[in-house]
Amino acid sequence: NRTLRWALRCKDSMAEADRAMSIFGIVQG
């Protein structure tokens, strides 16, 4: 659950200028 909350924060921190950088979420469990 914490990793999922961190994933949302990572996504929210991506800026418009980061269009060239792809970001991956990580499945845990």
mmCIF file of all heavy atoms, coordinates in Angstrom:
data_MODEL
# 
_entry.id   MODEL 
# 
loop_
_atom_site.group_PDB 
_atom_site.id 
_atom_site.type_symbol 
_atom_site.label_atom_id 
_atom_site.label_alt_id 
_atom_site.label_comp_id 
_atom_site.label_asym_id 
_atom_site.label_entity_id 
_atom_site.label_seq_id 
_atom_site.pdbx_PDB_ins_code 
_atom_site.Cartn_x 
_atom_site.Cartn_y 
_atom_site.Cartn_z 
_atom_site.occupancy 
_atom_site.B_iso_or_equiv 
_atom_site.pdbx_formal_charge 
_atom_site.auth_seq_id 
_atom_site.auth_comp_id 
_atom_site.auth_asym_id 
_atom_site.auth_atom_id 
_atom_site.pdbx_PDB_model_num 
ATOM 1   N N   . ASN A 1 1  ? 0.832  -1.213 0.000   1.00 0.00 ? 1  ASN A N   1 
ATOM 2   C CA  . ASN A 1 1  ? 0.000  0.000  0.000   1.00 0.00 ? 1  ASN A CA  1 
ATOM 3   C C   . ASN A 1 1  ? 0.863  1.258  0.000   1.00 0.00 ? 1  ASN A C   1 
ATOM 4   O O   . ASN A 1 1  ? 0.552  2.240  -0.690  1.00 0.00 ? 1  ASN A O   1 
ATOM 5   C CB  . ASN A 1 1  ? -0.924 -0.002 1.216   1.00 0.00 ? 1  ASN A CB  1 
ATOM 6   C CG  . ASN A 1 1  ? -2.015 -1.061 1.118   1.00 0.00 ? 1  ASN A CG  1 
ATOM 7   O OD1 . ASN A 1 1  ? -2.321 -1.541 0.026   1.00 0.00 ? 1  ASN A OD1 1 
ATOM 8   N ND2 . ASN A 1 1  ? -2.592 -1.430 2.247   1.00 0.00 ? 1  ASN A ND2 1 
ATOM 9   N N   . ARG A 1 2  ? 1.953  1.234  0.766   1.00 0.00 ? 2  ARG A N   1 
ATOM 10  C CA  . ARG A 1 2  ? 2.844  2.399  0.793   1.00 0.00 ? 2  ARG A CA  1 
ATOM 11  C C   . ARG A 1 2  ? 3.525  2.587  -0.564  1.00 0.00 ? 2  ARG A C   1 
ATOM 12  O O   . ARG A 1 2  ? 3.648  3.709  -1.059  1.00 0.00 ? 2  ARG A O   1 
ATOM 13  C CB  . ARG A 1 2  ? 3.888  2.232  1.891   1.00 0.00 ? 2  ARG A CB  1 
ATOM 14  C CG  . ARG A 1 2  ? 4.824  3.440  2.050   1.00 0.00 ? 2  ARG A CG  1 
ATOM 15  C CD  . ARG A 1 2  ? 5.709  3.308  3.276   1.00 0.00 ? 2  ARG A CD  1 
ATOM 16  N NE  . ARG A 1 2  ? 6.451  2.056  3.246   1.00 0.00 ? 2  ARG A NE  1 
ATOM 17  C CZ  . ARG A 1 2  ? 6.320  1.099  4.175   1.00 0.00 ? 2  ARG A CZ  1 
ATOM 18  N NH1 . ARG A 1 2  ? 5.481  1.250  5.190   1.00 0.00 ? 2  ARG A NH1 1 
ATOM 19  N NH2 . ARG A 1 2  ? 7.027  -0.010 4.084   1.00 0.00 ? 2  ARG A NH2 1 
ATOM 20  N N   . THR A 1 3  ? 3.947  1.491  -1.186  1.00 0.00 ? 3  THR A N   1 
ATOM 21  C CA  . THR A 1 3  ? 4.554  1.583  -2.517  1.00 0.00 ? 3  THR A CA  1 
ATOM 22  C C   . THR A 1 3  ? 3.578  2.180  -3.520  1.00 0.00 ? 3  THR A C   1 
ATOM 23  O O   . THR A 1 3  ? 3.972  2.973  -4.390  1.00 0.00 ? 3  THR A O   1 
ATOM 24  C CB  . THR A 1 3  ? 5.025  0.187  -2.974  1.00 0.00 ? 3  THR A CB  1 
ATOM 25  O OG1 . THR A 1 3  ? 6.225  -0.156 -2.264  1.00 0.00 ? 3  THR A OG1 1 
ATOM 26  C CG2 . THR A 1 3  ? 5.331  0.151  -4.466  1.00 0.00 ? 3  THR A CG2 1 
ATOM 27  N N   . LEU A 1 4  ? 2.290  1.839  -3.409  1.00 0.00 ? 4  LEU A N   1 
ATOM 28  C CA  . LEU A 1 4  ? 1.293  2.430  -4.301  1.00 0.00 ? 4  LEU A CA  1 
ATOM 29  C C   . LEU A 1 4  ? 1.147  3.927  -4.053  1.00 0.00 ? 4  LEU A C   1 
ATOM 30  O O   . LEU A 1 4  ? 1.015  4.709  -5.003  1.00 0.00 ? 4  LEU A O   1 
ATOM 31  C CB  . LEU A 1 4  ? -0.049 1.719  -4.117  1.00 0.00 ? 4  LEU A CB  1 
ATOM 32  C CG  . LEU A 1 4  ? -0.142 0.300  -4.700  1.00 0.00 ? 4  LEU A CG  1 
ATOM 33  C CD1 . LEU A 1 4  ? -1.385 -0.414 -4.197  1.00 0.00 ? 4  LEU A CD1 1 
ATOM 34  C CD2 . LEU A 1 4  ? -0.134 0.356  -6.230  1.00 0.00 ? 4  LEU A CD2 1 
ATOM 35  N N   . ARG A 1 5  ? 1.162  4.340  -2.785  1.00 0.00 ? 5  ARG A N   1 
ATOM 36  C CA  . ARG A 1 5  ? 1.088  5.781  -2.490  1.00 0.00 ? 5  ARG A CA  1 
ATOM 37  C C   . ARG A 1 5  ? 2.332  6.490  -3.022  1.00 0.00 ? 5  ARG A C   1 
ATOM 38  O O   . ARG A 1 5  ? 2.239  7.610  -3.546  1.00 0.00 ? 5  ARG A O   1 
ATOM 39  C CB  . ARG A 1 5  ? 0.927  5.999  -0.979  1.00 0.00 ? 5  ARG A CB  1 
ATOM 40  C CG  . ARG A 1 5  ? -0.411 5.505  -0.436  1.00 0.00 ? 5  ARG A CG  1 
ATOM 41  C CD  . ARG A 1 5  ? -0.659 5.972  0.985   1.00 0.00 ? 5  ARG A CD  1 
ATOM 42  N NE  . ARG A 1 5  ? 0.276  5.377  1.949   1.00 0.00 ? 5  ARG A NE  1 
ATOM 43  C CZ  . ARG A 1 5  ? 0.073  4.234  2.592   1.00 0.00 ? 5  ARG A CZ  1 
ATOM 44  N NH1 . ARG A 1 5  ? -1.018 3.513  2.356   1.00 0.00 ? 5  ARG A NH1 1 
ATOM 45  N NH2 . ARG A 1 5  ? 0.958  3.786  3.474   1.00 0.00 ? 5  ARG A NH2 1 
ATOM 46  N N   . TRP A 1 6  ? 3.493  5.845  -2.886  1.00 0.00 ? 6  TRP A N   1 
ATOM 47  C CA  . TRP A 1 6  ? 4.717  6.433  -3.426  1.00 0.00 ? 6  TRP A CA  1 
ATOM 48  C C   . TRP A 1 6  ? 4.647  6.532  -4.957  1.00 0.00 ? 6  TRP A C   1 
ATOM 49  O O   . TRP A 1 6  ? 5.123  7.505  -5.549  1.00 0.00 ? 6  TRP A O   1 
ATOM 50  C CB  . TRP A 1 6  ? 5.918  5.585  -3.029  1.00 0.00 ? 6  TRP A CB  1 
ATOM 51  C CG  . TRP A 1 6  ? 6.347  5.734  -1.600  1.00 0.00 ? 6  TRP A CG  1 
ATOM 52  C CD1 . TRP A 1 6  ? 5.836  6.576  -0.662  1.00 0.00 ? 6  TRP A CD1 1 
ATOM 53  C CD2 . TRP A 1 6  ? 7.388  4.996  -0.935  1.00 0.00 ? 6  TRP A CD2 1 
ATOM 54  N NE1 . TRP A 1 6  ? 6.476  6.423  0.539   1.00 0.00 ? 6  TRP A NE1 1 
ATOM 55  C CE2 . TRP A 1 6  ? 7.438  5.460  0.396   1.00 0.00 ? 6  TRP A CE2 1 
ATOM 56  C CE3 . TRP A 1 6  ? 8.261  3.995  -1.347  1.00 0.00 ? 6  TRP A CE3 1 
ATOM 57  C CZ2 . TRP A 1 6  ? 8.361  4.952  1.316   1.00 0.00 ? 6  TRP A CZ2 1 
ATOM 58  C CZ3 . TRP A 1 6  ? 9.181  3.489  -0.433  1.00 0.00 ? 6  TRP A CZ3 1 
ATOM 59  C CH2 . TRP A 1 6  ? 9.220  3.966  0.883   1.00 0.00 ? 6  TRP A CH2 1 
ATOM 60  N N   . ALA A 1 7  ? 4.050  5.528  -5.598  1.00 0.00 ? 7  ALA A N   1 
ATOM 61  C CA  . ALA A 1 7  ? 3.933  5.548  -7.059  1.00 0.00 ? 7  ALA A CA  1 
ATOM 62  C C   . ALA A 1 7  ? 3.114  6.745  -7.523  1.00 0.00 ? 7  ALA A C   1 
ATOM 63  O O   . ALA A 1 7  ? 3.454  7.416  -8.510  1.00 0.00 ? 7  ALA A O   1 
ATOM 64  C CB  . ALA A 1 7  ? 3.298  4.251  -7.554  1.00 0.00 ? 7  ALA A CB  1 
ATOM 65  N N   . LEU A 1 8  ? 2.028  7.031  -6.809  1.00 0.00 ? 8  LEU A N   1 
ATOM 66  C CA  . LEU A 1 8  ? 1.212  8.192  -7.157  1.00 0.00 ? 8  LEU A CA  1 
ATOM 67  C C   . LEU A 1 8  ? 2.005  9.482  -6.983  1.00 0.00 ? 8  LEU A C   1 
ATOM 68  O O   . LEU A 1 8  ? 1.931  10.393 -7.823  1.00 0.00 ? 8  LEU A O   1 
ATOM 69  C CB  . LEU A 1 8  ? -0.048 8.217  -6.291  1.00 0.00 ? 8  LEU A CB  1 
ATOM 70  C CG  . LEU A 1 8  ? -1.032 9.361  -6.559  1.00 0.00 ? 8  LEU A CG  1 
ATOM 71  C CD1 . LEU A 1 8  ? -1.504 9.341  -8.005  1.00 0.00 ? 8  LEU A CD1 1 
ATOM 72  C CD2 . LEU A 1 8  ? -2.219 9.266  -5.604  1.00 0.00 ? 8  LEU A CD2 1 
ATOM 73  N N   . ARG A 1 9  ? 2.813  9.553  -5.925  1.00 0.00 ? 9  ARG A N   1 
ATOM 74  C CA  . ARG A 1 9  ? 3.643  10.746 -5.716  1.00 0.00 ? 9  ARG A CA  1 
ATOM 75  C C   . ARG A 1 9  ? 4.703  10.879 -6.809  1.00 0.00 ? 9  ARG A C   1 
ATOM 76  O O   . ARG A 1 9  ? 4.998  11.985 -7.265  1.00 0.00 ? 9  ARG A O   1 
ATOM 77  C CB  . ARG A 1 9  ? 4.293  10.693 -4.331  1.00 0.00 ? 9  ARG A CB  1 
ATOM 78  C CG  . ARG A 1 9  ? 3.309  10.944 -3.192  1.00 0.00 ? 9  ARG A CG  1 
ATOM 79  C CD  . ARG A 1 9  ? 3.903  10.574 -1.847  1.00 0.00 ? 9  ARG A CD  1 
ATOM 80  N NE  . ARG A 1 9  ? 5.124  11.308 -1.534  1.00 0.00 ? 9  ARG A NE  1 
ATOM 81  C CZ  . ARG A 1 9  ? 5.877  11.081 -0.462  1.00 0.00 ? 9  ARG A CZ  1 
ATOM 82  N NH1 . ARG A 1 9  ? 5.519  10.125 0.405   1.00 0.00 ? 9  ARG A NH1 1 
ATOM 83  N NH2 . ARG A 1 9  ? 6.962  11.785 -0.237  1.00 0.00 ? 9  ARG A NH2 1 
ATOM 84  N N   . CYS A 1 10 ? 5.265  9.748  -7.229  1.00 0.00 ? 10 CYS A N   1 
ATOM 85  C CA  . CYS A 1 10 ? 6.230  9.792  -8.333  1.00 0.00 ? 10 CYS A CA  1 
ATOM 86  C C   . CYS A 1 10 ? 5.570  10.306 -9.600  1.00 0.00 ? 10 CYS A C   1 
ATOM 87  O O   . CYS A 1 10 ? 6.118  11.163 -10.307 1.00 0.00 ? 10 CYS A O   1 
ATOM 88  C CB  . CYS A 1 10 ? 6.818  8.403  -8.579  1.00 0.00 ? 10 CYS A CB  1 
ATOM 89  S SG  . CYS A 1 10 ? 8.022  7.834  -7.359  1.00 0.00 ? 10 CYS A SG  1 
ATOM 90  N N   . LYS A 1 11 ? 4.394  9.800  -9.904  1.00 0.00 ? 11 LYS A N   1 
ATOM 91  C CA  . LYS A 1 11 ? 3.667  10.244 -11.099 1.00 0.00 ? 11 LYS A CA  1 
ATOM 92  C C   . LYS A 1 11 ? 3.347  11.728 -11.013 1.00 0.00 ? 11 LYS A C   1 
ATOM 93  O O   . LYS A 1 11 ? 3.526  12.472 -11.992 1.00 0.00 ? 11 LYS A O   1 
ATOM 94  C CB  . LYS A 1 11 ? 2.378  9.429  -11.231 1.00 0.00 ? 11 LYS A CB  1 
ATOM 95  C CG  . LYS A 1 11 ? 1.457  9.859  -12.380 1.00 0.00 ? 11 LYS A CG  1 
ATOM 96  C CD  . LYS A 1 11 ? 2.028  9.480  -13.730 1.00 0.00 ? 11 LYS A CD  1 
ATOM 97  C CE  . LYS A 1 11 ? 1.097  9.885  -14.872 1.00 0.00 ? 11 LYS A CE  1 
ATOM 98  N NZ  . LYS A 1 11 ? -0.170 9.121  -14.869 1.00 0.00 ? 11 LYS A NZ  1 
ATOM 99  N N   . ASP A 1 12 ? 2.912  12.186 -9.847  1.00 0.00 ? 12 ASP A N   1 
ATOM 100 C CA  . ASP A 1 12 ? 2.561  13.596 -9.678  1.00 0.00 ? 12 ASP A CA  1 
ATOM 101 C C   . ASP A 1 12 ? 3.778  14.510 -9.795  1.00 0.00 ? 12 ASP A C   1 
ATOM 102 O O   . ASP A 1 12 ? 3.649  15.691 -10.126 1.00 0.00 ? 12 ASP A O   1 
ATOM 103 C CB  . ASP A 1 12 ? 1.888  13.820 -8.322  1.00 0.00 ? 12 ASP A CB  1 
ATOM 104 C CG  . ASP A 1 12 ? 0.477  13.248 -8.272  1.00 0.00 ? 12 ASP A CG  1 
ATOM 105 O OD1 . ASP A 1 12 ? -0.077 12.948 -9.342  1.00 0.00 ? 12 ASP A OD1 1 
ATOM 106 O OD2 . ASP A 1 12 ? -0.054 13.091 -7.148  1.00 0.00 ? 12 ASP A OD2 1 
ATOM 107 N N   . SER A 1 13 ? 4.967  13.961 -9.515  1.00 0.00 ? 13 SER A N   1 
ATOM 108 C CA  . SER A 1 13 ? 6.180  14.799 -9.553  1.00 0.00 ? 13 SER A CA  1 
ATOM 109 C C   . SER A 1 13 ? 6.746  14.941 -10.957 1.00 0.00 ? 13 SER A C   1 
ATOM 110 O O   . SER A 1 13 ? 7.670  15.718 -11.177 1.00 0.00 ? 13 SER A O   1 
ATOM 111 C CB  . SER A 1 13 ? 7.254  14.218 -8.636  1.00 0.00 ? 13 SER A CB  1 
ATOM 112 O OG  . SER A 1 13 ? 7.796  13.023 -9.168  1.00 0.00 ? 13 SER A OG  1 
ATOM 113 N N   . MET A 1 14 ? 6.214  14.191 -11.905 1.00 0.00 ? 14 MET A N   1 
ATOM 114 C CA  . MET A 1 14 ? 6.696  14.294 -13.280 1.00 0.00 ? 14 MET A CA  1 
ATOM 115 C C   . MET A 1 14 ? 6.238  15.622 -13.879 1.00 0.00 ? 14 MET A C   1 
ATOM 116 O O   . MET A 1 14 ? 5.069  15.985 -13.802 1.00 0.00 ? 14 MET A O   1 
ATOM 117 C CB  . MET A 1 14 ? 6.166  13.129 -14.112 1.00 0.00 ? 14 MET A CB  1 
ATOM 118 C CG  . MET A 1 14 ? 6.714  11.775 -13.688 1.00 0.00 ? 14 MET A CG  1 
ATOM 119 S SD  . MET A 1 14 ? 8.453  11.553 -14.115 1.00 0.00 ? 14 MET A SD  1 
ATOM 120 C CE  . MET A 1 14 ? 8.322  11.331 -15.888 1.00 0.00 ? 14 MET A CE  1 
ATOM 121 N N   . ALA A 1 15 ? 7.186  16.321 -14.474 1.00 0.00 ? 15 ALA A N   1 
ATOM 122 C CA  . ALA A 1 15 ? 6.897  17.623 -15.061 1.00 0.00 ? 15 ALA A CA  1 
ATOM 123 C C   . ALA A 1 15 ? 6.637  17.486 -16.552 1.00 0.00 ? 15 ALA A C   1 
ATOM 124 O O   . ALA A 1 15 ? 6.955  16.470 -17.177 1.00 0.00 ? 15 ALA A O   1 
ATOM 125 C CB  . ALA A 1 15 ? 8.071  18.571 -14.822 1.00 0.00 ? 15 ALA A CB  1 
ATOM 126 N N   . GLU A 1 16 ? 6.054  18.540 -17.146 1.00 0.00 ? 16 GLU A N   1 
ATOM 127 C CA  . GLU A 1 16 ? 5.806  18.544 -18.577 1.00 0.00 ? 16 GLU A CA  1 
ATOM 128 C C   . GLU A 1 16 ? 7.101  18.366 -19.355 1.00 0.00 ? 16 GLU A C   1 
ATOM 129 O O   . GLU A 1 16 ? 7.134  17.737 -20.413 1.00 0.00 ? 16 GLU A O   1 
ATOM 130 C CB  . GLU A 1 16 ? 5.134  19.874 -18.978 1.00 0.00 ? 16 GLU A CB  1 
ATOM 131 C CG  . GLU A 1 16 ? 4.723  19.953 -20.439 1.00 0.00 ? 16 GLU A CG  1 
ATOM 132 C CD  . GLU A 1 16 ? 3.586  18.999 -20.795 1.00 0.00 ? 16 GLU A CD  1 
ATOM 133 O OE1 . GLU A 1 16 ? 2.867  18.571 -19.865 1.00 0.00 ? 16 GLU A OE1 1 
ATOM 134 O OE2 . GLU A 1 16 ? 3.426  18.688 -21.982 1.00 0.00 ? 16 GLU A OE2 1 
ATOM 135 N N   . ALA A 1 17 ? 8.192  18.876 -18.793 1.00 0.00 ? 17 ALA A N   1 
ATOM 136 C CA  . ALA A 1 17 ? 9.489  18.780 -19.464 1.00 0.00 ? 17 ALA A CA  1 
ATOM 137 C C   . ALA A 1 17 ? 10.053 17.367 -19.457 1.00 0.00 ? 17 ALA A C   1 
ATOM 138 O O   . ALA A 1 17 ? 11.060 17.089 -20.117 1.00 0.00 ? 17 ALA A O   1 
ATOM 139 C CB  . ALA A 1 17 ? 10.485 19.734 -18.809 1.00 0.00 ? 17 ALA A CB  1 
ATOM 140 N N   . ASP A 1 18 ? 9.420  16.455 -18.695 1.00 0.00 ? 18 ASP A N   1 
ATOM 141 C CA  . ASP A 1 18 ? 9.915  15.084 -18.594 1.00 0.00 ? 18 ASP A CA  1 
ATOM 142 C C   . ASP A 1 18 ? 9.351  14.174 -19.680 1.00 0.00 ? 18 ASP A C   1 
ATOM 143 O O   . ASP A 1 18 ? 9.416  12.951 -19.558 1.00 0.00 ? 18 ASP A O   1 
ATOM 144 C CB  . ASP A 1 18 ? 9.537  14.497 -17.223 1.00 0.00 ? 18 ASP A CB  1 
ATOM 145 C CG  . ASP A 1 18 ? 10.234 15.199 -16.084 1.00 0.00 ? 18 ASP A CG  1 
ATOM 146 O OD1 . ASP A 1 18 ? 11.343 15.704 -16.295 1.00 0.00 ? 18 ASP A OD1 1 
ATOM 147 O OD2 . ASP A 1 18 ? 9.660  15.229 -14.988 1.00 0.00 ? 18 ASP A OD2 1 
ATOM 148 N N   . ARG A 1 19 ? 8.817  14.745 -20.733 1.00 0.00 ? 19 ARG A N   1 
ATOM 149 C CA  . ARG A 1 19 ? 8.134  13.950 -21.746 1.00 0.00 ? 19 ARG A CA  1 
ATOM 150 C C   . ARG A 1 19 ? 9.053  12.895 -22.363 1.00 0.00 ? 19 ARG A C   1 
ATOM 151 O O   . ARG A 1 19 ? 8.601  11.837 -22.785 1.00 0.00 ? 19 ARG A O   1 
ATOM 152 C CB  . ARG A 1 19 ? 7.597  14.878 -22.835 1.00 0.00 ? 19 ARG A CB  1 
ATOM 153 C CG  . ARG A 1 19 ? 6.595  14.242 -23.769 1.00 0.00 ? 19 ARG A CG  1 
ATOM 154 C CD  . ARG A 1 19 ? 5.971  15.281 -24.674 1.00 0.00 ? 19 ARG A CD  1 
ATOM 155 N NE  . ARG A 1 19 ? 5.256  16.290 -23.909 1.00 0.00 ? 19 ARG A NE  1 
ATOM 156 C CZ  . ARG A 1 19 ? 4.806  17.424 -24.430 1.00 0.00 ? 19 ARG A CZ  1 
ATOM 157 N NH1 . ARG A 1 19 ? 5.006  17.702 -25.697 1.00 0.00 ? 19 ARG A NH1 1 
ATOM 158 N NH2 . ARG A 1 19 ? 4.151  18.297 -23.675 1.00 0.00 ? 19 ARG A NH2 1 
ATOM 159 N N   . ALA A 1 20 ? 10.347 13.173 -22.412 1.00 0.00 ? 20 ALA A N   1 
ATOM 160 C CA  . ALA A 1 20 ? 11.288 12.225 -23.017 1.00 0.00 ? 20 ALA A CA  1 
ATOM 161 C C   . ALA A 1 20 ? 11.667 11.098 -22.072 1.00 0.00 ? 20 ALA A C   1 
ATOM 162 O O   . ALA A 1 20 ? 12.321 10.146 -22.488 1.00 0.00 ? 20 ALA A O   1 
ATOM 163 C CB  . ALA A 1 20 ? 12.547 12.959 -23.477 1.00 0.00 ? 20 ALA A CB  1 
ATOM 164 N N   . MET A 1 21 ? 11.293 11.188 -20.798 1.00 0.00 ? 21 MET A N   1 
ATOM 165 C CA  . MET A 1 21 ? 11.638 10.158 -19.818 1.00 0.00 ? 21 MET A CA  1 
ATOM 166 C C   . MET A 1 21 ? 10.390 9.356  -19.473 1.00 0.00 ? 21 MET A C   1 
ATOM 167 O O   . MET A 1 21 ? 9.427  9.894  -18.941 1.00 0.00 ? 21 MET A O   1 
ATOM 168 C CB  . MET A 1 21 ? 12.225 10.799 -18.550 1.00 0.00 ? 21 MET A CB  1 
ATOM 169 C CG  . MET A 1 21 ? 12.731 9.777  -17.536 1.00 0.00 ? 21 MET A CG  1 
ATOM 170 S SD  . MET A 1 21 ? 13.608 10.535 -16.121 1.00 0.00 ? 21 MET A SD  1 
ATOM 171 C CE  . MET A 1 21 ? 12.210 11.158 -15.150 1.00 0.00 ? 21 MET A CE  1 
ATOM 172 N N   . SER A 1 22 ? 10.402 8.075  -19.765 1.00 0.00 ? 22 SER A N   1 
ATOM 173 C CA  . SER A 1 22 ? 9.277  7.210  -19.419 1.00 0.00 ? 22 SER A CA  1 
ATOM 174 C C   . SER A 1 22 ? 9.421  6.745  -17.976 1.00 0.00 ? 22 SER A C   1 
ATOM 175 O O   . SER A 1 22 ? 10.530 6.484  -17.502 1.00 0.00 ? 22 SER A O   1 
ATOM 176 C CB  . SER A 1 22 ? 9.245  5.984  -20.339 1.00 0.00 ? 22 SER A CB  1 
ATOM 177 O OG  . SER A 1 22 ? 9.018  6.365  -21.680 1.00 0.00 ? 22 SER A OG  1 
ATOM 178 N N   . ILE A 1 23 ? 8.324  6.634  -17.273 1.00 0.00 ? 23 ILE A N   1 
ATOM 179 C CA  . ILE A 1 23 ? 8.338  6.212  -15.873 1.00 0.00 ? 23 ILE A CA  1 
ATOM 180 C C   . ILE A 1 23 ? 7.550  4.913  -15.732 1.00 0.00 ? 23 ILE A C   1 
ATOM 181 O O   . ILE A 1 23 ? 6.469  4.760  -16.318 1.00 0.00 ? 23 ILE A O   1 
ATOM 182 C CB  . ILE A 1 23 ? 7.785  7.320  -14.941 1.00 0.00 ? 23 ILE A CB  1 
ATOM 183 C CG1 . ILE A 1 23 ? 7.870  6.881  -13.480 1.00 0.00 ? 23 ILE A CG1 1 
ATOM 184 C CG2 . ILE A 1 23 ? 6.388  7.709  -15.324 1.00 0.00 ? 23 ILE A CG2 1 
ATOM 185 C CD1 . ILE A 1 23 ? 7.539  7.985  -12.500 1.00 0.00 ? 23 ILE A CD1 1 
ATOM 186 N N   . PHE A 1 24 ? 8.110  3.990  -14.958 1.00 0.00 ? 24 PHE A N   1 
ATOM 187 C CA  . PHE A 1 24 ? 7.502  2.684  -14.729 1.00 0.00 ? 24 PHE A CA  1 
ATOM 188 C C   . PHE A 1 24 ? 7.012  2.587  -13.284 1.00 0.00 ? 24 PHE A C   1 
ATOM 189 O O   . PHE A 1 24 ? 7.762  2.906  -12.352 1.00 0.00 ? 24 PHE A O   1 
ATOM 190 C CB  . PHE A 1 24 ? 8.523  1.568  -14.952 1.00 0.00 ? 24 PHE A CB  1 
ATOM 191 C CG  . PHE A 1 24 ? 8.771  1.202  -16.390 1.00 0.00 ? 24 PHE A CG  1 
ATOM 192 C CD1 . PHE A 1 24 ? 9.121  2.162  -17.331 1.00 0.00 ? 24 PHE A CD1 1 
ATOM 193 C CD2 . PHE A 1 24 ? 8.658  -0.115 -16.805 1.00 0.00 ? 24 PHE A CD2 1 
ATOM 194 C CE1 . PHE A 1 24 ? 9.368  1.821  -18.647 1.00 0.00 ? 24 PHE A CE1 1 
ATOM 195 C CE2 . PHE A 1 24 ? 8.895  -0.478 -18.132 1.00 0.00 ? 24 PHE A CE2 1 
ATOM 196 C CZ  . PHE A 1 24 ? 9.246  0.497  -19.056 1.00 0.00 ? 24 PHE A CZ  1 
ATOM 197 N N   . GLY A 1 25 ? 5.779  2.139  -13.105 1.00 0.00 ? 25 GLY A N   1 
ATOM 198 C CA  . GLY A 1 25 ? 5.314  1.734  -11.792 1.00 0.00 ? 25 GLY A CA  1 
ATOM 199 C C   . GLY A 1 25 ? 5.780  0.311  -11.515 1.00 0.00 ? 25 GLY A C   1 
ATOM 200 O O   . GLY A 1 25 ? 5.998  -0.474 -12.444 1.00 0.00 ? 25 GLY A O   1 
ATOM 201 N N   . ILE A 1 26 ? 5.929  -0.033 -10.236 1.00 0.00 ? 26 ILE A N   1 
ATOM 202 C CA  . ILE A 1 26 ? 6.479  -1.339 -9.871  1.00 0.00 ? 26 ILE A CA  1 
ATOM 203 C C   . ILE A 1 26 ? 5.463  -2.134 -9.054  1.00 0.00 ? 26 ILE A C   1 
ATOM 204 O O   . ILE A 1 26 ? 5.037  -1.706 -7.979  1.00 0.00 ? 26 ILE A O   1 
ATOM 205 C CB  . ILE A 1 26 ? 7.800  -1.192 -9.086  1.00 0.00 ? 26 ILE A CB  1 
ATOM 206 C CG1 . ILE A 1 26 ? 8.809  -0.386 -9.906  1.00 0.00 ? 26 ILE A CG1 1 
ATOM 207 C CG2 . ILE A 1 26 ? 8.363  -2.568 -8.731  1.00 0.00 ? 26 ILE A CG2 1 
ATOM 208 C CD1 . ILE A 1 26 ? 10.132 -0.141 -9.184  1.00 0.00 ? 26 ILE A CD1 1 
ATOM 209 N N   . VAL A 1 27 ? 5.089  -3.298 -9.564  1.00 0.00 ? 27 VAL A N   1 
ATOM 210 C CA  . VAL A 1 27 ? 4.161  -4.201 -8.882  1.00 0.00 ? 27 VAL A CA  1 
ATOM 211 C C   . VAL A 1 27 ? 4.885  -4.891 -7.730  1.00 0.00 ? 27 VAL A C   1 
ATOM 212 O O   . VAL A 1 27 ? 5.936  -5.502 -7.917  1.00 0.00 ? 27 VAL A O   1 
ATOM 213 C CB  . VAL A 1 27 ? 3.609  -5.260 -9.848  1.00 0.00 ? 27 VAL A CB  1 
ATOM 214 C CG1 . VAL A 1 27 ? 2.679  -6.224 -9.117  1.00 0.00 ? 27 VAL A CG1 1 
ATOM 215 C CG2 . VAL A 1 27 ? 2.899  -4.600 -11.026 1.00 0.00 ? 27 VAL A CG2 1 
ATOM 216 N N   . GLN A 1 28 ? 4.326  -4.784 -6.534  1.00 0.00 ? 28 GLN A N   1 
ATOM 217 C CA  . GLN A 1 28 ? 4.839  -5.514 -5.382  1.00 0.00 ? 28 GLN A CA  1 
ATOM 218 C C   . GLN A 1 28 ? 3.729  -6.439 -4.865  1.00 0.00 ? 28 GLN A C   1 
ATOM 219 O O   . GLN A 1 28 ? 2.799  -6.737 -5.580  1.00 0.00 ? 28 GLN A O   1 
ATOM 220 C CB  . GLN A 1 28 ? 5.338  -4.542 -4.312  1.00 0.00 ? 28 GLN A CB  1 
ATOM 221 C CG  . GLN A 1 28 ? 6.643  -3.837 -4.682  1.00 0.00 ? 28 GLN A CG  1 
ATOM 222 C CD  . GLN A 1 28 ? 7.845  -4.767 -4.736  1.00 0.00 ? 28 GLN A CD  1 
ATOM 223 O OE1 . GLN A 1 28 ? 7.806  -5.896 -4.244  1.00 0.00 ? 28 GLN A OE1 1 
ATOM 224 N NE2 . GLN A 1 28 ? 8.924  -4.292 -5.336  1.00 0.00 ? 28 GLN A NE2 1 
ATOM 225 N N   . GLY A 1 29 ? 3.853  -6.901 -3.624  1.00 0.00 ? 29 GLY A N   1 
ATOM 226 C CA  . GLY A 1 29 ? 2.840  -7.800 -3.080  1.00 0.00 ? 29 GLY A CA  1 
ATOM 227 C C   . GLY A 1 29 ? 3.396  -9.058 -2.471  1.00 0.00 ? 29 GLY A C   1 
ATOM 228 O O   . GLY A 1 29 ? 2.624  -9.924 -2.028  1.00 0.00 ? 29 GLY A O   1 
# 
